Amino acid sequence: MPQSTLAHLFQAADILFVPSRIETQGMVMIEEMAAGLVVISSDRGGIRESIRHGQTGVLLEDPTDLDAATAAIEAVLNNLSGWTPVRIAARREVEARFSWETIVPRLESIYAEILEGSP
């Protein structure tokens, strides 16, 4: 599926629910945050590095707790307009931390450090 079609589909949604038990990075969550969705996910691995609970999304302590997951989803769906600041903050967070303008200089710095330390 073309990326432009995916972006359009993402923007048609209101939330992304990912009750992952193990997650190294959570790229799909970053993509959805950029699309303006409220992300509800597990407080695990790389997810907690991408989402700040209550500020840029919702983190669930236990991804197997269906009552907590249901409550979180209902809280968002029952008050979508109240979650606008979270949506905006999430998008800004992605733009600030994961844009090419941010990533490229960080990668260049890492490569420079590696080359300086090589024999």
PDB file of N, CA and C in Angstrom:
ATOM      1  N   MET A   1       0.844  -1.167   0.000  1.00  0.00           N
ATOM      2  CA  MET A   1       0.000   0.000   0.000  1.00  0.00           C
ATOM      3  C   MET A   1       0.895   1.238   0.000  1.00  0.00           C
ATOM      4  N   PRO A   2       0.610   2.219  -0.837  1.00  0.00           N
ATOM      5  CA  PRO A   2       1.440   3.434  -0.884  1.00  0.00           C
ATOM      6  C   PRO A   2       1.405   4.197   0.449  1.00  0.00           C
ATOM      7  N   GLN A   3       2.513   4.835   0.781  1.00  0.00           N
ATOM      8  CA  GLN A   3       2.619   5.592   2.030  1.00  0.00           C
ATOM      9  C   GLN A   3       1.550   6.674   2.119  1.00  0.00           C
ATOM     10  N   SER A   4       1.229   7.310   1.001  1.00  0.00           N
ATOM     11  CA  SER A   4       0.214   8.372   1.020  1.00  0.00           C
ATOM     12  C   SER A   4      -1.159   7.817   1.396  1.00  0.00           C
ATOM     13  N   THR A   5      -1.456   6.595   0.957  1.00  0.00           N
ATOM     14  CA  THR A   5      -2.729   5.962   1.318  1.00  0.00           C
ATOM     15  C   THR A   5      -2.745   5.637   2.803  1.00  0.00           C
ATOM     16  N   LEU A   6      -1.626   5.120   3.317  1.00  0.00           N
ATOM     17  CA  LEU A   6      -1.537   4.826   4.746  1.00  0.00           C
ATOM     18  C   LEU A   6      -1.737   6.089   5.580  1.00  0.00           C
ATOM     19  N   ALA A   7      -1.091   7.162   5.183  1.00  0.00           N
ATOM     20  CA  ALA A   7      -1.217   8.419   5.928  1.00  0.00           C
ATOM     21  C   ALA A   7      -2.667   8.880   5.956  1.00  0.00           C
ATOM     22  N   HIS A   8      -3.362   8.739   4.841  1.00  0.00           N
ATOM     23  CA  HIS A   8      -4.773   9.127   4.776  1.00  0.00           C
ATOM     24  C   HIS A   8      -5.616   8.262   5.710  1.00  0.00           C
ATOM     25  N   LEU A   9      -5.342   6.968   5.740  1.00  0.00           N
ATOM     26  CA  LEU A   9      -6.075   6.063   6.627  1.00  0.00           C
ATOM     27  C   LEU A   9      -5.788   6.375   8.095  1.00  0.00           C
ATOM     28  N   PHE A  10      -4.527   6.665   8.413  1.00  0.00           N
ATOM     29  CA  PHE A  10      -4.170   7.010   9.780  1.00  0.00           C
ATOM     30  C   PHE A  10      -4.945   8.240  10.239  1.00  0.00           C
ATOM     31  N   GLN A  11      -5.026   9.236   9.377  1.00  0.00           N
ATOM     32  CA  GLN A  11      -5.677  10.490   9.743  1.00  0.00           C
ATOM     33  C   GLN A  11      -7.186  10.346   9.872  1.00  0.00           C
ATOM     34  N   ALA A  12      -7.753   9.281   9.346  1.00  0.00           N
ATOM     35  CA  ALA A  12      -9.192   9.041   9.475  1.00  0.00           C
ATOM     36  C   ALA A  12      -9.536   8.425  10.825  1.00  0.00           C
ATOM     37  N   ALA A  13      -8.533   7.948  11.550  1.00  0.00           N
ATOM     38  CA  ALA A  13      -8.749   7.303  12.848  1.00  0.00           C
ATOM     39  C   ALA A  13      -8.617   8.331  13.971  1.00  0.00           C
ATOM     40  N   ASP A  14      -9.075   7.959  15.150  1.00  0.00           N
ATOM     41  CA  ASP A  14      -8.948   8.817  16.324  1.00  0.00           C
ATOM     42  C   ASP A  14      -7.915   8.290  17.313  1.00  0.00           C
ATOM     43  N   ILE A  15      -7.811   6.963  17.422  1.00  0.00           N
ATOM     44  CA  ILE A  15      -6.875   6.376  18.372  1.00  0.00           C
ATOM     45  C   ILE A  15      -6.122   5.215  17.725  1.00  0.00           C
ATOM     46  N   LEU A  16      -4.998   4.900  18.341  1.00  0.00           N
ATOM     47  CA  LEU A  16      -4.265   3.677  18.032  1.00  0.00           C
ATOM     48  C   LEU A  16      -4.094   2.961  19.358  1.00  0.00           C
ATOM     49  N   PHE A  17      -4.517   1.708  19.397  1.00  0.00           N
ATOM     50  CA  PHE A  17      -4.398   0.895  20.608  1.00  0.00           C
ATOM     51  C   PHE A  17      -3.418  -0.225  20.328  1.00  0.00           C
ATOM     52  N   VAL A  18      -2.305  -0.244  21.077  1.00  0.00           N
ATOM     53  CA  VAL A  18      -1.267  -1.251  20.897  1.00  0.00           C
ATOM     54  C   VAL A  18      -0.914  -1.824  22.271  1.00  0.00           C
ATOM     55  N   PRO A  19      -1.580  -2.907  22.669  1.00  0.00           N
ATOM     56  CA  PRO A  19      -1.300  -3.498  23.982  1.00  0.00           C
ATOM     57  C   PRO A  19      -0.132  -4.483  23.927  1.00  0.00           C
ATOM     58  N   SER A  20       1.001  -3.995  23.525  1.00  0.00           N
ATOM     59  CA  SER A  20       2.166  -4.847  23.309  1.00  0.00           C
ATOM     60  C   SER A  20       2.831  -5.231  24.630  1.00  0.00           C
ATOM     61  N   ARG A  21       3.215  -6.499  24.745  1.00  0.00           N
ATOM     62  CA  ARG A  21       3.946  -6.942  25.929  1.00  0.00           C
ATOM     63  C   ARG A  21       5.432  -6.627  25.808  1.00  0.00           C
ATOM     64  N   ILE A  22       5.939  -6.667  24.582  1.00  0.00           N
ATOM     65  CA  ILE A  22       7.351  -6.381  24.311  1.00  0.00           C
ATOM     66  C   ILE A  22       7.396  -5.486  23.079  1.00  0.00           C
ATOM     67  N   GLU A  23       8.107  -4.392  23.180  1.00  0.00           N
ATOM     68  CA  GLU A  23       8.222  -3.492  22.032  1.00  0.00           C
ATOM     69  C   GLU A  23       9.567  -2.785  22.133  1.00  0.00           C
ATOM     70  N   THR A  24      10.371  -2.923  21.088  1.00  0.00           N
ATOM     71  CA  THR A  24      11.698  -2.327  21.122  1.00  0.00           C
ATOM     72  C   THR A  24      11.685  -0.844  20.798  1.00  0.00           C
ATOM     73  N   GLN A  25      10.877  -0.415  19.855  1.00  0.00           N
ATOM     74  CA  GLN A  25      10.872   0.986  19.472  1.00  0.00           C
ATOM     75  C   GLN A  25       9.467   1.554  19.366  1.00  0.00           C
ATOM     76  N   GLY A  26       8.579   0.880  18.717  1.00  0.00           N
ATOM     77  CA  GLY A  26       7.231   1.395  18.575  1.00  0.00           C
ATOM     78  C   GLY A  26       7.085   2.369  17.420  1.00  0.00           C
ATOM     79  N   MET A  27       7.683   2.036  16.274  1.00  0.00           N
ATOM     80  CA  MET A  27       7.635   2.936  15.126  1.00  0.00           C
ATOM     81  C   MET A  27       6.208   3.233  14.676  1.00  0.00           C
ATOM     82  N   VAL A  28       5.340   2.233  14.722  1.00  0.00           N
ATOM     83  CA  VAL A  28       3.960   2.483  14.303  1.00  0.00           C
ATOM     84  C   VAL A  28       3.324   3.533  15.207  1.00  0.00           C
ATOM     85  N   MET A  29       3.678   3.537  16.481  1.00  0.00           N
ATOM     86  CA  MET A  29       3.135   4.539  17.392  1.00  0.00           C
ATOM     87  C   MET A  29       3.650   5.930  17.053  1.00  0.00           C
ATOM     88  N   ILE A  30       4.905   6.032  16.694  1.00  0.00           N
ATOM     89  CA  ILE A  30       5.479   7.320  16.309  1.00  0.00           C
ATOM     90  C   ILE A  30       4.784   7.833  15.053  1.00  0.00           C
ATOM     91  N   GLU A  31       4.544   6.947  14.100  1.00  0.00           N
ATOM     92  CA  GLU A  31       3.838   7.345  12.878  1.00  0.00           C
ATOM     93  C   GLU A  31       2.426   7.838  13.192  1.00  0.00           C
ATOM     94  N   GLU A  32       1.754   7.157  14.107  1.00  0.00           N
ATOM     95  CA  GLU A  32       0.389   7.551  14.451  1.00  0.00           C
ATOM     96  C   GLU A  32       0.363   8.839  15.258  1.00  0.00           C
ATOM     97  N   MET A  33       1.347   9.043  16.111  1.00  0.00           N
ATOM     98  CA  MET A  33       1.447  10.309  16.831  1.00  0.00           C
ATOM     99  C   MET A  33       1.616  11.455  15.831  1.00  0.00           C
ATOM    100  N   ALA A  34       2.421  11.232  14.811  1.00  0.00           N
ATOM    101  CA  ALA A  34       2.623  12.248  13.780  1.00  0.00           C
ATOM    102  C   ALA A  34       1.346  12.523  13.004  1.00  0.00           C
ATOM    103  N   ALA A  35       0.494  11.510  12.890  1.00  0.00           N
ATOM    104  CA  ALA A  35      -0.775  11.672  12.177  1.00  0.00           C
ATOM    105  C   ALA A  35      -1.850  12.294  13.064  1.00  0.00           C
ATOM    106  N   GLY A  36      -1.549  12.520  14.328  1.00  0.00           N
ATOM    107  CA  GLY A  36      -2.494  13.180  15.214  1.00  0.00           C
ATOM    108  C   GLY A  36      -3.425  12.258  15.975  1.00  0.00           C
ATOM    109  N   LEU A  37      -3.101  10.988  16.058  1.00  0.00           N
ATOM    110  CA  LEU A  37      -3.926  10.064  16.818  1.00  0.00           C
ATOM    111  C   LEU A  37      -3.515  10.066  18.286  1.00  0.00           C
ATOM    112  N   VAL A  38      -4.449   9.712  19.144  1.00  0.00           N
ATOM    113  CA  VAL A  38      -4.122   9.469  20.537  1.00  0.00           C
ATOM    114  C   VAL A  38      -3.669   8.014  20.615  1.00  0.00           C
ATOM    115  N   VAL A  39      -2.450   7.808  21.067  1.00  0.00           N
ATOM    116  CA  VAL A  39      -1.898   6.460  21.158  1.00  0.00           C
ATOM    117  C   VAL A  39      -2.074   5.938  22.582  1.00  0.00           C
ATOM    118  N   ILE A  40      -2.674   4.750  22.670  1.00  0.00           N
ATOM    119  CA  ILE A  40      -2.834   4.044  23.939  1.00  0.00           C
ATOM    120  C   ILE A  40      -2.018   2.773  23.812  1.00  0.00           C
ATOM    121  N   SER A  41      -1.010   2.647  24.670  1.00  0.00           N
ATOM    122  CA  SER A  41      -0.122   1.502  24.539  1.00  0.00           C
ATOM    123  C   SER A  41       0.409   1.081  25.899  1.00  0.00           C
ATOM    124  N   SER A  42       1.292   0.116  25.873  1.00  0.00           N
ATOM    125  CA  SER A  42       1.871  -0.463  27.084  1.00  0.00           C
ATOM    126  C   SER A  42       3.071   0.343  27.552  1.00  0.00           C
ATOM    127  N   ASP A  43       3.246   0.377  28.841  1.00  0.00           N
ATOM    128  CA  ASP A  43       4.411   1.026  29.425  1.00  0.00           C
ATOM    129  C   ASP A  43       5.564   0.028  29.388  1.00  0.00           C
ATOM    130  N   ARG A  44       6.090  -0.208  28.200  1.00  0.00           N
ATOM    131  CA  ARG A  44       7.115  -1.218  27.966  1.00  0.00           C
ATOM    132  C   ARG A  44       8.202  -0.681  27.030  1.00  0.00           C
ATOM    133  N   GLY A  45       9.412  -1.175  27.206  1.00  0.00           N
ATOM    134  CA  GLY A  45      10.524  -0.960  26.282  1.00  0.00           C
ATOM    135  C   GLY A  45      10.614   0.422  25.677  1.00  0.00           C
ATOM    136  N   GLY A  46      10.761   0.442  24.363  1.00  0.00           N
ATOM    137  CA  GLY A  46      10.909   1.688  23.626  1.00  0.00           C
ATOM    138  C   GLY A  46       9.658   2.554  23.613  1.00  0.00           C
ATOM    139  N   ILE A  47       8.523   1.958  23.927  1.00  0.00           N
ATOM    140  CA  ILE A  47       7.276   2.725  23.944  1.00  0.00           C
ATOM    141  C   ILE A  47       7.373   3.846  24.969  1.00  0.00           C
ATOM    142  N   ARG A  48       7.865   3.530  26.158  1.00  0.00           N
ATOM    143  CA  ARG A  48       7.932   4.544  27.215  1.00  0.00           C
ATOM    144  C   ARG A  48       8.932   5.645  26.883  1.00  0.00           C
ATOM    145  N   GLU A  49       9.814   5.393  25.925  1.00  0.00           N
ATOM    146  CA  GLU A  49      10.737   6.436  25.490  1.00  0.00           C
ATOM    147  C   GLU A  49      10.104   7.358  24.460  1.00  0.00           C
ATOM    148  N   SER A  50       9.024   6.904  23.845  1.00  0.00           N
ATOM    149  CA  SER A  50       8.360   7.690  22.812  1.00  0.00           C
ATOM    150  C   SER A  50       7.111   8.408  23.317  1.00  0.00           C
ATOM    151  N   ILE A  51       6.453   7.828  24.314  1.00  0.00           N
ATOM    152  CA  ILE A  51       5.190   8.375  24.805  1.00  0.00           C
ATOM    153  C   ILE A  51       5.346   8.800  26.260  1.00  0.00           C
ATOM    154  N   ARG A  52       4.928  10.020  26.551  1.00  0.00           N
ATOM    155  CA  ARG A  52       4.879  10.500  27.934  1.00  0.00           C
ATOM    156  C   ARG A  52       3.422  10.425  28.382  1.00  0.00           C
ATOM    157  N   HIS A  53       3.159   9.591  29.373  1.00  0.00           N
ATOM    158  CA  HIS A  53       1.793   9.325  29.823  1.00  0.00           C
ATOM    159  C   HIS A  53       1.044  10.618  30.159  1.00  0.00           C
ATOM    160  N   GLY A  54      -0.129  10.763  29.537  1.00  0.00           N
ATOM    161  CA  GLY A  54      -0.980  11.910  29.796  1.00  0.00           C
ATOM    162  C   GLY A  54      -0.582  13.164  29.052  1.00  0.00           C
ATOM    163  N   GLN A  55       0.617  13.172  28.465  1.00  0.00           N
ATOM    164  CA  GLN A  55       1.089  14.357  27.747  1.00  0.00           C
ATOM    165  C   GLN A  55       1.119  14.136  26.238  1.00  0.00           C
ATOM    166  N   THR A  56       1.617  12.968  25.826  1.00  0.00           N
ATOM    167  CA  THR A  56       1.683  12.672  24.383  1.00  0.00           C
ATOM    168  C   THR A  56       0.984  11.357  24.045  1.00  0.00           C
ATOM    169  N   GLY A  57       0.300  10.776  25.017  1.00  0.00           N
ATOM    170  CA  GLY A  57      -0.409   9.519  24.815  1.00  0.00           C
ATOM    171  C   GLY A  57      -0.778   8.909  26.149  1.00  0.00           C
ATOM    172  N   VAL A  58      -1.194   7.662  26.113  1.00  0.00           N
ATOM    173  CA  VAL A  58      -1.601   6.954  27.328  1.00  0.00           C
ATOM    174  C   VAL A  58      -0.795   5.669  27.427  1.00  0.00           C
ATOM    175  N   LEU A  59      -0.195   5.458  28.588  1.00  0.00           N
ATOM    176  CA  LEU A  59       0.562   4.232  28.834  1.00  0.00           C
ATOM    177  C   LEU A  59      -0.183   3.374  29.848  1.00  0.00           C
ATOM    178  N   LEU A  60      -0.330   2.111  29.516  1.00  0.00           N
ATOM    179  CA  LEU A  60      -0.983   1.152  30.398  1.00  0.00           C
ATOM    180  C   LEU A  60       0.083   0.336  31.117  1.00  0.00           C
ATOM    181  N   GLU A  61      -0.041   0.235  32.436  1.00  0.00           N
ATOM    182  CA  GLU A  61       0.935  -0.543  33.200  1.00  0.00           C
ATOM    183  C   GLU A  61       0.935  -2.006  32.801  1.00  0.00           C
ATOM    184  N   ASP A  62      -0.263  -2.564  32.652  1.00  0.00           N
ATOM    185  CA  ASP A  62      -0.399  -3.986  32.354  1.00  0.00           C
ATOM    186  C   ASP A  62      -1.189  -4.149  31.054  1.00  0.00           C
ATOM    187  N   PRO A  63      -0.528  -4.550  29.981  1.00  0.00           N
ATOM    188  CA  PRO A  63      -1.225  -4.675  28.696  1.00  0.00           C
ATOM    189  C   PRO A  63      -2.281  -5.776  28.681  1.00  0.00           C
ATOM    190  N   THR A  64      -2.289  -6.629  29.699  1.00  0.00           N
ATOM    191  CA  THR A  64      -3.293  -7.699  29.743  1.00  0.00           C
ATOM    192  C   THR A  64      -4.506  -7.324  30.596  1.00  0.00           C
ATOM    193  N   ASP A  65      -4.489  -6.145  31.198  1.00  0.00           N
ATOM    194  CA  ASP A  65      -5.604  -5.679  32.033  1.00  0.00           C
ATOM    195  C   ASP A  65      -6.680  -5.081  31.125  1.00  0.00           C
ATOM    196  N   LEU A  66      -7.667  -5.894  30.779  1.00  0.00           N
ATOM    197  CA  LEU A  66      -8.704  -5.462  29.841  1.00  0.00           C
ATOM    198  C   LEU A  66      -9.559  -4.331  30.391  1.00  0.00           C
ATOM    199  N   ASP A  67      -9.790  -4.315  31.700  1.00  0.00           N
ATOM    200  CA  ASP A  67     -10.588  -3.241  32.291  1.00  0.00           C
ATOM    201  C   ASP A  67      -9.881  -1.896  32.154  1.00  0.00           C
ATOM    202  N   ALA A  68      -8.589  -1.866  32.428  1.00  0.00           N
ATOM    203  CA  ALA A  68      -7.826  -0.622  32.301  1.00  0.00           C
ATOM    204  C   ALA A  68      -7.750  -0.175  30.844  1.00  0.00           C
ATOM    205  N   ALA A  69      -7.557  -1.122  29.936  1.00  0.00           N
ATOM    206  CA  ALA A  69      -7.505  -0.793  28.508  1.00  0.00           C
ATOM    207  C   ALA A  69      -8.839  -0.233  28.033  1.00  0.00           C
ATOM    208  N   THR A  70      -9.932  -0.891  28.431  1.00  0.00           N
ATOM    209  CA  THR A  70     -11.268  -0.434  28.049  1.00  0.00           C
ATOM    210  C   THR A  70     -11.531   0.964  28.599  1.00  0.00           C
ATOM    211  N   ALA A  71     -11.165   1.187  29.852  1.00  0.00           N
ATOM    212  CA  ALA A  71     -11.368   2.500  30.466  1.00  0.00           C
ATOM    213  C   ALA A  71     -10.582   3.585  29.728  1.00  0.00           C
ATOM    214  N   ALA A  72      -9.354   3.285  29.338  1.00  0.00           N
ATOM    215  CA  ALA A  72      -8.528   4.257  28.622  1.00  0.00           C
ATOM    216  C   ALA A  72      -9.127   4.575  27.252  1.00  0.00           C
ATOM    217  N   ILE A  73      -9.543   3.553  26.543  1.00  0.00           N
ATOM    218  CA  ILE A  73     -10.147   3.762  25.214  1.00  0.00           C
ATOM    219  C   ILE A  73     -11.434   4.573  25.340  1.00  0.00           C
ATOM    220  N   GLU A  74     -12.283   4.214  26.303  1.00  0.00           N
ATOM    221  CA  GLU A  74     -13.543   4.942  26.498  1.00  0.00           C
ATOM    222  C   GLU A  74     -13.302   6.390  26.899  1.00  0.00           C
ATOM    223  N   ALA A  75     -12.285   6.620  27.742  1.00  0.00           N
ATOM    224  CA  ALA A  75     -11.975   7.985  28.165  1.00  0.00           C
ATOM    225  C   ALA A  75     -11.632   8.871  26.971  1.00  0.00           C
ATOM    226  N   VAL A  76     -10.898   8.319  26.032  1.00  0.00           N
ATOM    227  CA  VAL A  76     -10.538   9.088  24.833  1.00  0.00           C
ATOM    228  C   VAL A  76     -11.748   9.261  23.923  1.00  0.00           C
ATOM    229  N   LEU A  77     -12.414   8.167  23.606  1.00  0.00           N
ATOM    230  CA  LEU A  77     -13.533   8.233  22.656  1.00  0.00           C
ATOM    231  C   LEU A  77     -14.710   9.064  23.169  1.00  0.00           C
ATOM    232  N   ASN A  78     -14.901   9.096  24.492  1.00  0.00           N
ATOM    233  CA  ASN A  78     -16.013   9.861  25.057  1.00  0.00           C
ATOM    234  C   ASN A  78     -15.728  11.350  25.172  1.00  0.00           C
ATOM    235  N   ASN A  79     -14.498  11.757  24.903  1.00  0.00           N
ATOM    236  CA  ASN A  79     -14.132  13.166  25.011  1.00  0.00           C
ATOM    237  C   ASN A  79     -13.002  13.489  24.036  1.00  0.00           C
ATOM    238  N   LEU A  80     -13.218  13.248  22.763  1.00  0.00           N
ATOM    239  CA  LEU A  80     -12.160  13.454  21.763  1.00  0.00           C
ATOM    240  C   LEU A  80     -11.610  14.871  21.775  1.00  0.00           C
ATOM    241  N   SER A  81     -12.489  15.853  21.905  1.00  0.00           N
ATOM    242  CA  SER A  81     -12.003  17.240  21.872  1.00  0.00           C
ATOM    243  C   SER A  81     -11.105  17.545  23.073  1.00  0.00           C
ATOM    244  N   GLY A  82     -11.342  16.890  24.194  1.00  0.00           N
ATOM    245  CA  GLY A  82     -10.500  17.089  25.364  1.00  0.00           C
ATOM    246  C   GLY A  82      -9.094  16.552  25.188  1.00  0.00           C
ATOM    247  N   TRP A  83      -8.913  15.691  24.201  1.00  0.00           N
ATOM    248  CA  TRP A  83      -7.604  15.105  23.941  1.00  0.00           C
ATOM    249  C   TRP A  83      -6.831  15.861  22.857  1.00  0.00           C
ATOM    250  N   THR A  84      -7.378  16.959  22.375  1.00  0.00           N
ATOM    251  CA  THR A  84      -6.688  17.748  21.349  1.00  0.00           C
ATOM    252  C   THR A  84      -5.306  18.200  21.805  1.00  0.00           C
ATOM    253  N   PRO A  85      -5.137  18.693  23.045  1.00  0.00           N
ATOM    254  CA  PRO A  85      -3.774  19.080  23.460  1.00  0.00           C
ATOM    255  C   PRO A  85      -2.778  17.916  23.432  1.00  0.00           C
ATOM    256  N   VAL A  86      -3.226  16.709  23.751  1.00  0.00           N
ATOM    257  CA  VAL A  86      -2.355  15.534  23.703  1.00  0.00           C
ATOM    258  C   VAL A  86      -1.975  15.233  22.259  1.00  0.00           C
ATOM    259  N   ARG A  87      -2.950  15.313  21.362  1.00  0.00           N
ATOM    260  CA  ARG A  87      -2.682  15.074  19.939  1.00  0.00           C
ATOM    261  C   ARG A  87      -1.652  16.064  19.406  1.00  0.00           C
ATOM    262  N   ILE A  88      -1.837  17.325  19.755  1.00  0.00           N
ATOM    263  CA  ILE A  88      -0.917  18.373  19.291  1.00  0.00           C
ATOM    264  C   ILE A  88       0.472  18.158  19.884  1.00  0.00           C
ATOM    265  N   ALA A  89       0.533  17.868  21.177  1.00  0.00           N
ATOM    266  CA  ALA A  89       1.830  17.643  21.834  1.00  0.00           C
ATOM    267  C   ALA A  89       2.532  16.427  21.247  1.00  0.00           C
ATOM    268  N   ALA A  90       1.772  15.377  20.946  1.00  0.00           N
ATOM    269  CA  ALA A  90       2.371  14.173  20.367  1.00  0.00           C
ATOM    270  C   ALA A  90       2.983  14.472  19.004  1.00  0.00           C
ATOM    271  N   ARG A  91       2.254  15.194  18.184  1.00  0.00           N
ATOM    272  CA  ARG A  91       2.779  15.538  16.858  1.00  0.00           C
ATOM    273  C   ARG A  91       4.043  16.387  16.979  1.00  0.00           C
ATOM    274  N   ARG A  92       4.009  17.366  17.865  1.00  0.00           N
ATOM    275  CA  ARG A  92       5.190  18.220  18.063  1.00  0.00           C
ATOM    276  C   ARG A  92       6.388  17.416  18.567  1.00  0.00           C
ATOM    277  N   GLU A  93       6.115  16.472  19.460  1.00  0.00           N
ATOM    278  CA  GLU A  93       7.179  15.608  19.987  1.00  0.00           C
ATOM    279  C   GLU A  93       7.848  14.814  18.859  1.00  0.00           C
ATOM    280  N   VAL A  94       7.030  14.253  17.980  1.00  0.00           N
ATOM    281  CA  VAL A  94       7.563  13.483  16.851  1.00  0.00           C
ATOM    282  C   VAL A  94       8.380  14.388  15.942  1.00  0.00           C
ATOM    283  N   GLU A  95       7.850  15.567  15.642  1.00  0.00           N
ATOM    284  CA  GLU A  95       8.572  16.497  14.765  1.00  0.00           C
ATOM    285  C   GLU A  95       9.906  16.914  15.386  1.00  0.00           C
ATOM    286  N   ALA A  96       9.911  17.122  16.696  1.00  0.00           N
ATOM    287  CA  ALA A  96      11.135  17.568  17.372  1.00  0.00           C
ATOM    288  C   ALA A  96      12.172  16.454  17.517  1.00  0.00           C
ATOM    289  N   ARG A  97      11.723  15.228  17.743  1.00  0.00           N
ATOM    290  CA  ARG A  97      12.659  14.142  18.030  1.00  0.00           C
ATOM    291  C   ARG A  97      12.976  13.236  16.852  1.00  0.00           C
ATOM    292  N   PHE A  98      12.077  13.154  15.876  1.00  0.00           N
ATOM    293  CA  PHE A  98      12.236  12.147  14.835  1.00  0.00           C
ATOM    294  C   PHE A  98      12.239  12.701  13.413  1.00  0.00           C
ATOM    295  N   SER A  99      12.320  14.002  13.252  1.00  0.00           N
ATOM    296  CA  SER A  99      12.385  14.565  11.904  1.00  0.00           C
ATOM    297  C   SER A  99      13.787  14.341  11.336  1.00  0.00           C
ATOM    298  N   TRP A 100      13.914  14.407  10.024  1.00  0.00           N
ATOM    299  CA  TRP A 100      15.232  14.242   9.406  1.00  0.00           C
ATOM    300  C   TRP A 100      16.180  15.335   9.886  1.00  0.00           C
ATOM    301  N   GLU A 101      15.643  16.532  10.127  1.00  0.00           N
ATOM    302  CA  GLU A 101      16.476  17.644  10.584  1.00  0.00           C
ATOM    303  C   GLU A 101      17.097  17.349  11.955  1.00  0.00           C
ATOM    304  N   THR A 102      16.460  16.513  12.726  1.00  0.00           N
ATOM    305  CA  THR A 102      16.965  16.135  14.044  1.00  0.00           C
ATOM    306  C   THR A 102      17.828  14.882  13.964  1.00  0.00           C
ATOM    307  N   ILE A 103      17.383  13.913  13.204  1.00  0.00           N
ATOM    308  CA  ILE A 103      18.057  12.619  13.160  1.00  0.00           C
ATOM    309  C   ILE A 103      19.405  12.678  12.442  1.00  0.00           C
ATOM    310  N   VAL A 104      19.482  13.372  11.320  1.00  0.00           N
ATOM    311  CA  VAL A 104      20.718  13.385  10.525  1.00  0.00           C
ATOM    312  C   VAL A 104      21.900  13.936  11.316  1.00  0.00           C
ATOM    313  N   PRO A 105      21.776  15.083  11.990  1.00  0.00           N
ATOM    314  CA  PRO A 105      22.936  15.553  12.769  1.00  0.00           C
ATOM    315  C   PRO A 105      23.329  14.584  13.893  1.00  0.00           C
ATOM    316  N   ARG A 106      22.356  13.929  14.502  1.00  0.00           N
ATOM    317  CA  ARG A 106      22.681  12.949  15.548  1.00  0.00           C
ATOM    318  C   ARG A 106      23.447  11.772  14.963  1.00  0.00           C
ATOM    319  N   LEU A 107      23.007  11.277  13.806  1.00  0.00           N
ATOM    320  CA  LEU A 107      23.716  10.170  13.156  1.00  0.00           C
ATOM    321  C   LEU A 107      25.121  10.584  12.740  1.00  0.00           C
ATOM    322  N   GLU A 108      25.252  11.780  12.191  1.00  0.00           N
ATOM    323  CA  GLU A 108      26.574  12.262  11.796  1.00  0.00           C
ATOM    324  C   GLU A 108      27.510  12.323  12.988  1.00  0.00           C
ATOM    325  N   SER A 109      26.988  12.768  14.128  1.00  0.00           N
ATOM    326  CA  SER A 109      27.791  12.846  15.341  1.00  0.00           C
ATOM    327  C   SER A 109      28.229  11.457  15.803  1.00  0.00           C
ATOM    328  N   ILE A 110      27.329  10.506  15.747  1.00  0.00           N
ATOM    329  CA  ILE A 110      27.660   9.132  16.138  1.00  0.00           C
ATOM    330  C   ILE A 110      28.736   8.568  15.214  1.00  0.00           C
ATOM    331  N   TYR A 111      28.556   8.745  13.910  1.00  0.00           N
ATOM    332  CA  TYR A 111      29.552   8.246  12.948  1.00  0.00           C
ATOM    333  C   TYR A 111      30.903   8.921  13.158  1.00  0.00           C
ATOM    334  N   ALA A 112      30.890  10.216  13.443  1.00  0.00           N
ATOM    335  CA  ALA A 112      32.149  10.932  13.665  1.00  0.00           C
ATOM    336  C   ALA A 112      32.876  10.377  14.897  1.00  0.00           C
ATOM    337  N   GLU A 113      32.122  10.106  15.951  1.00  0.00           N
ATOM    338  CA  GLU A 113      32.729   9.536  17.163  1.00  0.00           C
ATOM    339  C   GLU A 113      33.329   8.161  16.874  1.00  0.00           C
ATOM    340  N   ILE A 114      32.632   7.357  16.101  1.00  0.00           N
ATOM    341  CA  ILE A 114      33.129   6.030  15.757  1.00  0.00           C
ATOM    342  C   ILE A 114      34.408   6.135  14.940  1.00  0.00           C
ATOM    343  N   LEU A 115      34.418   7.021  13.948  1.00  0.00           N
ATOM    344  CA  LEU A 115      35.596   7.174  13.094  1.00  0.00           C
ATOM    345  C   LEU A 115      36.780   7.727  13.864  1.00  0.00           C
ATOM    346  N   GLU A 116      36.538   8.608  14.810  1.00  0.00           N
ATOM    347  CA  GLU A 116      37.621   9.151  15.628  1.00  0.00           C
ATOM    348  C   GLU A 116      38.242   8.082  16.504  1.00  0.00           C
ATOM    349  N   GLY A 117      37.460   7.123  16.931  1.00  0.00           N
ATOM    350  CA  GLY A 117      37.954   6.061  17.802  1.00  0.00           C
ATOM    351  C   GLY A 117      38.507   4.861  17.079  1.00  0.00           C
ATOM    352  N   SER A 118      38.394   4.838  15.758  1.00  0.00           N
ATOM    353  CA  SER A 118      38.873   3.662  15.021  1.00  0.00           C
ATOM    354  C   SER A 118      40.374   3.756  14.803  1.00  0.00           C
ATOM    355  N   PRO A 119      41.047   2.596  14.713  1.00  0.00           N
ATOM    356  CA  PRO A 119      42.525   2.596  14.550  1.00  0.00           C
ATOM    357  C   PRO A 119      42.979   3.077  13.192  1.00  0.00           C
TER     358      PRO A 119
END
